[in-house]
Amino acid sequence: MSIYLKVKFSDWLRKSLLFIRIAPWAWFGYCVFVGLILCIGRISYALGIVGAVVSLFVGVGVAKYIDLKRFSDRPVGLLWAIKKSLPLAIIAGLAIMICWFTFAAIANILSGQWEMISYFFFDWQYTAENLNRRDSRELAIWLFGYANITLIFTLLMLTTFASWYSYPLMLLKDYGWSRAKEIGRQESDKHKEALYKTVAFLIFEAILCTEITPWLTPVLYMLTSTMMFVSYKRFFEKS
């Protein structure tokens, strides 16, 4: 059973930034990988959403790999972290994509734009000529804008239908969905203020990345994964 500890959002943010400093090259490689994966979304929203969610949750596995490498007598390889987190991350990605498609399809049907439903799976409207007319910032918005919306959607789905801790508990404690959801919500209720501020901060950053700093979208995914792991570790693992 978790011991109640008074925490603040600033604690989680500070510890997350310090945690990133432990293995900067590993996180650099992760950000490059995420940036490449997110580009898929410009061809297919469906694949892009799955790729974005998978990238986010695989980042939790990468954080666990760094934690074991730095603080444990039983370090593991990066491939272990990816193989362990990938199956569950894919399931989560598919679930988020199906929910998004359902909402989008209903909206298109109600608006009479049936033909737009197919664009969710394959978007062919952009050409090389269109891309040549974009500056660096516009190109980044075009590439990563949907990924920031996906992050917001994922955070809202987690906090509404599951809990902030559900994925780490399922991945790192091997809990089933129902148990992870229940225990995660019990722990979340003990420090709602810090959790709400964390989610609000990440959503604000996602909005900022959508228009102002789009090239930092992979970095935001890294920070979200790290904060998810660091906050989980404080309450569910011994330091």
Protein backbone atom coordinates (compact mmCIF):
# COMPACT_ATOMS: atom_id res chain seq x y z
CA MET A 1 0.00 0.00 0.00
CA SER A 2 1.32 3.44 -0.92
CA ILE A 3 2.27 5.84 1.87
CA TYR A 4 0.71 9.27 1.56
CA LEU A 5 3.30 11.93 0.87
CA LYS A 6 2.58 15.61 0.33
CA VAL A 7 3.88 16.55 -3.09
CA LYS A 8 3.85 19.59 -5.33
CA PHE A 9 3.82 19.93 -9.08
CA SER A 10 7.15 21.78 -8.87
CA ASP A 11 8.67 18.69 -7.19
CA TRP A 12 7.69 16.44 -10.07
CA LEU A 13 8.90 18.92 -12.68
CA ARG A 14 12.24 19.50 -10.96
CA LYS A 15 12.90 15.79 -10.45
CA SER A 16 11.88 15.04 -14.02
CA LEU A 17 14.36 17.58 -15.40
CA LEU A 18 17.09 16.19 -13.15
CA PHE A 19 16.22 12.67 -14.29
CA ILE A 20 16.58 13.69 -17.95
CA ARG A 21 20.09 14.96 -17.18
CA ILE A 22 21.14 11.47 -16.08
CA ALA A 23 21.18 10.11 -19.63
CA PRO A 24 21.00 13.02 -22.11
CA TRP A 25 22.19 10.96 -25.08
CA ALA A 26 19.56 8.29 -24.54
CA TRP A 27 16.86 10.96 -24.45
CA PHE A 28 18.37 12.70 -27.49
CA GLY A 29 18.06 9.46 -29.43
CA TYR A 30 14.51 9.04 -28.17
CA CYS A 31 13.56 12.55 -29.34
CA VAL A 32 15.03 11.95 -32.80
CA PHE A 33 13.15 8.66 -33.04
CA VAL A 34 9.89 10.29 -31.93
CA GLY A 35 10.34 13.12 -34.39
CA LEU A 36 10.67 10.64 -37.26
CA ILE A 37 7.72 8.55 -36.11
CA LEU A 38 5.44 11.58 -35.79
CA CYS A 39 6.01 12.45 -39.46
CA ILE A 40 3.89 9.41 -40.37
CA GLY A 41 0.82 11.33 -39.28
CA ARG A 42 0.99 13.56 -42.33
CA ILE A 43 0.28 10.52 -44.52
CA SER A 44 -2.22 8.80 -42.24
CA TYR A 45 -3.82 10.26 -39.12
CA ALA A 46 -4.67 6.73 -37.95
CA LEU A 47 -1.06 5.54 -38.12
CA GLY A 48 0.18 8.86 -36.77
CA ILE A 49 -2.04 8.70 -33.69
CA VAL A 50 -0.97 5.13 -32.95
CA GLY A 51 2.68 6.10 -33.46
CA ALA A 52 2.36 9.14 -31.20
CA VAL A 53 0.75 7.21 -28.34
CA VAL A 54 3.24 4.36 -28.72
CA SER A 55 6.12 6.86 -28.62
CA LEU A 56 4.75 8.45 -25.45
CA PHE A 57 4.34 5.18 -23.57
CA VAL A 58 7.56 3.59 -24.83
CA GLY A 59 9.18 6.65 -23.29
CA VAL A 60 8.07 5.34 -19.89
CA GLY A 61 9.94 2.12 -20.65
CA VAL A 62 13.01 4.13 -21.67
CA ALA A 63 12.82 6.01 -18.36
CA LYS A 64 12.73 2.67 -16.50
CA TYR A 65 15.77 1.50 -18.48
CA ILE A 66 17.68 4.66 -17.48
CA ASP A 67 16.60 4.26 -13.86
CA LEU A 68 17.83 0.66 -13.69
CA LYS A 69 21.06 1.51 -15.49
CA ARG A 70 21.84 4.34 -13.09
CA PHE A 71 20.47 3.19 -9.74
CA SER A 72 20.16 -0.61 -9.84
CA ASP A 73 22.61 -3.49 -9.47
CA ARG A 74 20.67 -5.25 -12.25
CA PRO A 75 20.89 -2.91 -15.25
CA VAL A 76 19.10 -3.86 -18.46
CA GLY A 77 19.58 -3.01 -22.10
CA LEU A 78 17.58 -0.46 -24.05
CA LEU A 79 16.19 -3.25 -26.23
CA TRP A 80 14.67 -4.80 -23.09
CA ALA A 81 12.82 -1.58 -22.33
CA ILE A 82 11.47 -1.30 -25.86
CA LYS A 83 10.40 -4.95 -26.08
CA LYS A 84 8.73 -4.78 -22.66
CA SER A 85 6.80 -1.57 -23.28
CA LEU A 86 5.96 -1.95 -26.98
CA PRO A 87 3.06 -4.49 -26.83
CA LEU A 88 1.11 -2.60 -24.19
CA ALA A 89 1.90 0.73 -25.86
CA ILE A 90 0.51 -0.54 -29.19
CA ILE A 91 -2.71 -1.67 -27.49
CA ALA A 92 -3.05 1.77 -25.88
CA GLY A 93 -2.33 3.45 -29.20
CA LEU A 94 -4.97 1.43 -31.02
CA ALA A 95 -7.54 2.18 -28.30
CA ILE A 96 -6.87 5.94 -28.52
CA MET A 97 -6.99 5.83 -32.32
CA ILE A 98 -10.34 3.99 -32.34
CA CYS A 99 -11.83 6.51 -29.88
CA TRP A 100 -10.56 9.42 -31.99
CA PHE A 101 -11.88 7.86 -35.21
CA THR A 102 -15.29 7.31 -33.63
CA PHE A 103 -15.60 10.96 -32.59
CA ALA A 104 -14.28 12.19 -35.97
CA ALA A 105 -16.57 9.90 -37.96
CA ILE A 106 -19.66 11.00 -36.01
CA ALA A 107 -18.71 14.66 -36.52
CA ASN A 108 -18.22 14.16 -40.27
CA ILE A 109 -21.53 12.30 -40.59
CA LEU A 110 -23.44 14.98 -38.70
CA SER A 111 -21.89 17.69 -40.85
CA GLY A 112 -22.62 15.79 -44.06
CA GLN A 113 -18.92 15.44 -44.96
CA TRP A 114 -18.86 11.70 -45.51
CA GLU A 115 -15.88 11.90 -47.86
CA MET A 116 -13.69 13.28 -45.06
CA ILE A 117 -13.86 9.99 -43.16
CA SER A 118 -11.39 8.39 -45.58
CA TYR A 119 -8.83 11.16 -44.91
CA PHE A 120 -8.40 9.74 -41.42
CA PHE A 121 -6.64 6.70 -42.88
CA PHE A 122 -4.86 8.26 -45.86
CA ASP A 123 -4.36 11.96 -46.56
CA TRP A 124 -3.37 12.61 -50.16
CA GLN A 125 -4.19 16.33 -50.40
CA TYR A 126 -0.67 17.64 -49.77
CA THR A 127 1.86 17.84 -52.60
CA ALA A 128 5.54 18.74 -52.90
CA GLU A 129 4.50 22.12 -54.31
CA ASN A 130 2.52 22.90 -51.17
CA LEU A 131 5.45 21.95 -48.95
CA ASN A 132 7.88 24.19 -50.84
CA ARG A 133 5.77 27.21 -49.92
CA ARG A 134 6.16 26.66 -46.18
CA ASP A 135 8.85 28.15 -43.95
CA SER A 136 10.51 26.13 -41.18
CA ARG A 137 7.89 26.93 -38.52
CA GLU A 138 4.95 26.26 -40.84
CA LEU A 139 6.51 22.96 -41.85
CA ALA A 140 6.90 21.94 -38.20
CA ILE A 141 3.29 22.89 -37.45
CA TRP A 142 2.16 20.86 -40.45
CA LEU A 143 4.25 17.87 -39.33
CA PHE A 144 3.61 17.89 -35.58
CA GLY A 145 0.39 19.84 -35.00
CA TYR A 146 -1.74 16.69 -34.85
CA ALA A 147 0.74 15.07 -32.42
CA ASN A 148 0.19 17.81 -29.85
CA ILE A 149 -3.57 17.38 -30.17
CA THR A 150 -3.03 13.63 -29.75
CA LEU A 151 -1.09 14.27 -26.55
CA ILE A 152 -3.88 16.44 -25.16
CA PHE A 153 -6.49 13.85 -26.15
CA THR A 154 -4.46 11.05 -24.54
CA LEU A 155 -4.00 12.94 -21.27
CA LEU A 156 -7.71 13.72 -21.08
CA MET A 157 -8.63 10.10 -21.85
CA LEU A 158 -6.23 8.85 -19.18
CA THR A 159 -7.46 11.14 -16.44
CA THR A 160 -11.12 10.57 -17.38
CA PHE A 161 -11.38 6.86 -18.06
CA ALA A 162 -8.27 5.49 -16.33
CA SER A 163 -5.65 7.27 -14.20
CA TRP A 164 -2.32 9.02 -14.58
CA TYR A 165 -0.65 5.92 -13.14
CA SER A 166 -2.52 3.23 -15.09
CA TYR A 167 0.06 2.65 -17.81
CA PRO A 168 3.15 2.56 -15.51
CA LEU A 169 1.34 0.19 -13.15
CA MET A 170 0.36 -2.16 -16.00
CA LEU A 171 3.83 -1.99 -17.53
CA LEU A 172 6.08 -2.10 -14.48
CA LYS A 173 3.90 -3.91 -11.92
CA ASP A 174 2.12 -6.25 -14.37
CA TYR A 175 -1.26 -5.14 -13.03
CA GLY A 176 -4.40 -5.82 -15.02
CA TRP A 177 -6.46 -2.95 -16.41
CA SER A 178 -9.05 -2.87 -13.62
CA ARG A 179 -6.52 -3.13 -10.80
CA ALA A 180 -4.22 -0.48 -12.31
CA LYS A 181 -7.17 1.85 -12.81
CA GLU A 182 -8.43 1.42 -9.24
CA ILE A 183 -5.05 1.70 -7.49
CA GLY A 184 -4.02 4.56 -9.75
CA ARG A 185 -7.16 6.52 -8.92
CA GLN A 186 -6.74 5.89 -5.20
CA GLU A 187 -3.23 7.31 -5.32
CA SER A 188 -4.28 10.20 -7.57
CA ASP A 189 -6.99 11.23 -5.10
CA LYS A 190 -4.35 11.75 -2.41
CA HIS A 191 -2.61 14.54 -4.30
CA LYS A 192 -5.11 15.89 -6.80
CA GLU A 193 -3.67 19.39 -6.79
CA ALA A 194 -0.22 18.30 -7.98
CA LEU A 195 -1.73 15.95 -10.55
CA TYR A 196 -4.13 18.55 -11.96
CA LYS A 197 -1.33 21.09 -12.22
CA THR A 198 0.86 18.53 -13.99
CA VAL A 199 -1.79 17.68 -16.57
CA ALA A 200 -2.69 21.36 -17.04
CA PHE A 201 0.99 22.23 -17.54
CA LEU A 202 1.47 19.50 -20.15
CA ILE A 203 -1.70 20.52 -21.99
CA PHE A 204 -0.57 24.16 -21.97
CA GLU A 205 2.82 23.12 -23.37
CA ALA A 206 1.09 21.04 -26.06
CA ILE A 207 -0.99 24.08 -27.07
CA LEU A 208 2.19 26.17 -27.13
CA CYS A 209 3.95 23.60 -29.31
CA THR A 210 1.00 23.54 -31.71
CA GLU A 211 1.59 27.14 -32.86
CA ILE A 212 4.66 28.70 -31.23
CA THR A 213 7.35 26.05 -30.72
CA PRO A 214 6.34 23.08 -32.92
CA TRP A 215 9.89 21.74 -33.31
CA LEU A 216 9.93 21.03 -29.55
CA THR A 217 7.07 18.53 -29.81
CA PRO A 218 9.37 15.45 -29.43
CA VAL A 219 10.92 17.12 -26.36
CA LEU A 220 7.44 17.56 -24.87
CA TYR A 221 6.77 13.85 -25.40
CA MET A 222 10.05 13.08 -23.60
CA LEU A 223 9.09 15.34 -20.68
CA THR A 224 5.61 13.81 -20.40
CA SER A 225 7.00 10.26 -20.34
CA THR A 226 9.57 11.26 -17.74
CA MET A 227 7.05 12.98 -15.47
CA MET A 228 4.78 9.96 -15.71
CA PHE A 229 7.61 7.66 -14.62
CA VAL A 230 9.07 9.93 -11.94
CA SER A 231 5.69 10.51 -10.28
CA TYR A 232 4.94 6.77 -10.45
CA LYS A 233 8.33 5.83 -8.98
CA ARG A 234 7.91 8.09 -5.97
CA PHE A 235 4.80 6.28 -4.76
CA PHE A 236 5.05 2.74 -6.10
CA GLU A 237 8.77 1.89 -6.04
CA LYS A 238 11.38 2.12 -3.35
CA SER A 239 13.96 4.79 -4.00
